[in-house]
């Protein structure tokens, strides 16, 4: 069971976020959802082995990396 101090900390964090969002429900829900998605993405990236992330093929330039030079500047 979670200690009562953790409940108080959670309530204070939610209240602080509510105040930071200007007491706007839409912004509050957006910020909560954004944090949840960011945490899920971070956990998913942690499951990828380091050897796969550092392969030489990942560091080679490709067409998707060089599209900046192909765009017109006019």
C-alpha atoms as a PDB file:
ATOM      1  CA  UNK A   1       0.000   0.000   0.000  1.00  0.00           C
ATOM      2  CA  UNK A   2       1.197   3.497  -0.792  1.00  0.00           C
ATOM      3  CA  UNK A   3       2.117   5.628   2.177  1.00  0.00           C
ATOM      4  CA  UNK A   4      -0.087   8.675   2.893  1.00  0.00           C
ATOM      5  CA  UNK A   5       2.842  11.008   2.157  1.00  0.00           C
ATOM      6  CA  UNK A   6       2.917   9.769  -1.451  1.00  0.00           C
ATOM      7  CA  UNK A   7      -0.777  10.584  -1.857  1.00  0.00           C
ATOM      8  CA  UNK A   8      -0.124  14.097  -0.567  1.00  0.00           C
ATOM      9  CA  UNK A   9       2.821  14.511  -2.946  1.00  0.00           C
ATOM     10  CA  UNK A  10       0.715  13.308  -5.885  1.00  0.00           C
ATOM     11  CA  UNK A  11      -2.137  15.657  -4.974  1.00  0.00           C
ATOM     12  CA  UNK A  12       0.258  18.599  -4.686  1.00  0.00           C
ATOM     13  CA  UNK A  13       1.850  17.805  -8.051  1.00  0.00           C
ATOM     14  CA  UNK A  14      -1.553  17.610  -9.736  1.00  0.00           C
ATOM     15  CA  UNK A  15      -2.666  20.837  -8.072  1.00  0.00           C
ATOM     16  CA  UNK A  16       0.539  22.599  -9.163  1.00  0.00           C
ATOM     17  CA  UNK A  17       0.052  21.406 -12.741  1.00  0.00           C
ATOM     18  CA  UNK A  18      -3.581  22.549 -12.643  1.00  0.00           C
ATOM     19  CA  UNK A  19      -2.478  26.006 -11.510  1.00  0.00           C
ATOM     20  CA  UNK A  20       0.283  26.110 -14.134  1.00  0.00           C
ATOM     21  CA  UNK A  21      -2.280  25.354 -16.857  1.00  0.00           C
ATOM     22  CA  UNK A  22      -4.329  28.359 -15.791  1.00  0.00           C
ATOM     23  CA  UNK A  23      -7.142  26.123 -14.511  1.00  0.00           C
ATOM     24  CA  UNK A  24      -7.991  25.239 -18.116  1.00  0.00           C
ATOM     25  CA  UNK A  25      -9.231  21.641 -18.362  1.00  0.00           C
ATOM     26  CA  UNK A  26      -8.213  21.195 -22.015  1.00  0.00           C
ATOM     27  CA  UNK A  27      -4.628  22.293 -21.407  1.00  0.00           C
ATOM     28  CA  UNK A  28      -4.460  20.238 -18.222  1.00  0.00           C
ATOM     29  CA  UNK A  29      -5.568  17.061 -20.025  1.00  0.00           C
ATOM     30  CA  UNK A  30      -3.174  17.794 -22.881  1.00  0.00           C
ATOM     31  CA  UNK A  31      -0.222  18.131 -20.482  1.00  0.00           C
ATOM     32  CA  UNK A  32      -1.153  14.939 -18.622  1.00  0.00           C
ATOM     33  CA  UNK A  33      -1.492  13.042 -21.915  1.00  0.00           C
ATOM     34  CA  UNK A  34       1.794  14.432 -23.210  1.00  0.00           C
ATOM     35  CA  UNK A  35       3.619  13.252 -20.071  1.00  0.00           C
ATOM     36  CA  UNK A  36       2.089   9.772 -20.351  1.00  0.00           C
ATOM     37  CA  UNK A  37       3.119   9.459 -24.010  1.00  0.00           C
ATOM     38  CA  UNK A  38       6.620  10.728 -23.279  1.00  0.00           C
ATOM     39  CA  UNK A  39       7.049   8.176 -20.500  1.00  0.00           C
ATOM     40  CA  UNK A  40       5.775   5.344 -22.707  1.00  0.00           C
ATOM     41  CA  UNK A  41       8.141   6.357 -25.494  1.00  0.00           C
ATOM     42  CA  UNK A  42      11.083   6.521 -23.102  1.00  0.00           C
ATOM     43  CA  UNK A  43      10.330   3.038 -21.784  1.00  0.00           C
ATOM     44  CA  UNK A  44      10.015   1.672 -25.321  1.00  0.00           C
ATOM     45  CA  UNK A  45      13.415   3.094 -26.250  1.00  0.00           C
ATOM     46  CA  UNK A  46      15.004   1.508 -23.219  1.00  0.00           C
ATOM     47  CA  UNK A  47      13.987  -1.942 -24.503  1.00  0.00           C
ATOM     48  CA  UNK A  48      16.092  -1.551 -27.671  1.00  0.00           C
ATOM     49  CA  UNK A  49      19.510  -3.178 -27.154  1.00  0.00           C
ATOM     50  CA  UNK A  50      22.461  -0.802 -27.233  1.00  0.00           C
ATOM     51  CA  UNK A  51      24.204  -2.866 -29.926  1.00  0.00           C
ATOM     52  CA  UNK A  52      21.307  -2.224 -32.323  1.00  0.00           C
ATOM     53  CA  UNK A  53      21.286   1.515 -31.634  1.00  0.00           C
ATOM     54  CA  UNK A  54      25.006   1.879 -32.336  1.00  0.00           C
ATOM     55  CA  UNK A  55      25.255  -0.109 -35.579  1.00  0.00           C
ATOM     56  CA  UNK A  56      27.274   1.528 -38.327  1.00  0.00           C
ATOM     57  CA  UNK A  57      24.287   1.391 -40.698  1.00  0.00           C
ATOM     58  CA  UNK A  58      22.405   3.794 -38.487  1.00  0.00           C
ATOM     59  CA  UNK A  59      25.097   6.456 -38.894  1.00  0.00           C
ATOM     60  CA  UNK A  60      25.361   6.368 -42.714  1.00  0.00           C
ATOM     61  CA  UNK A  61      23.827   9.338 -44.533  1.00  0.00           C
ATOM     62  CA  UNK A  62      20.735   8.500 -46.530  1.00  0.00           C
ATOM     63  CA  UNK A  63      18.131  10.265 -48.646  1.00  0.00           C
ATOM     64  CA  UNK A  64      16.009  10.970 -45.597  1.00  0.00           C
ATOM     65  CA  UNK A  65      18.908  12.729 -43.897  1.00  0.00           C
ATOM     66  CA  UNK A  66      19.885  14.861 -46.874  1.00  0.00           C
ATOM     67  CA  UNK A  67      16.468  16.266 -47.782  1.00  0.00           C
ATOM     68  CA  UNK A  68      17.503  19.580 -46.233  1.00  0.00           C
ATOM     69  CA  UNK A  69      19.879  20.180 -49.152  1.00  0.00           C
ATOM     70  CA  UNK A  70      17.308  19.268 -51.785  1.00  0.00           C
ATOM     71  CA  UNK A  71      14.709  21.858 -50.815  1.00  0.00           C
ATOM     72  CA  UNK A  72      14.481  25.065 -52.804  1.00  0.00           C
ATOM     73  CA  UNK A  73      15.425  28.256 -51.021  1.00  0.00           C
ATOM     74  CA  UNK A  74      13.468  30.601 -53.266  1.00  0.00           C
END
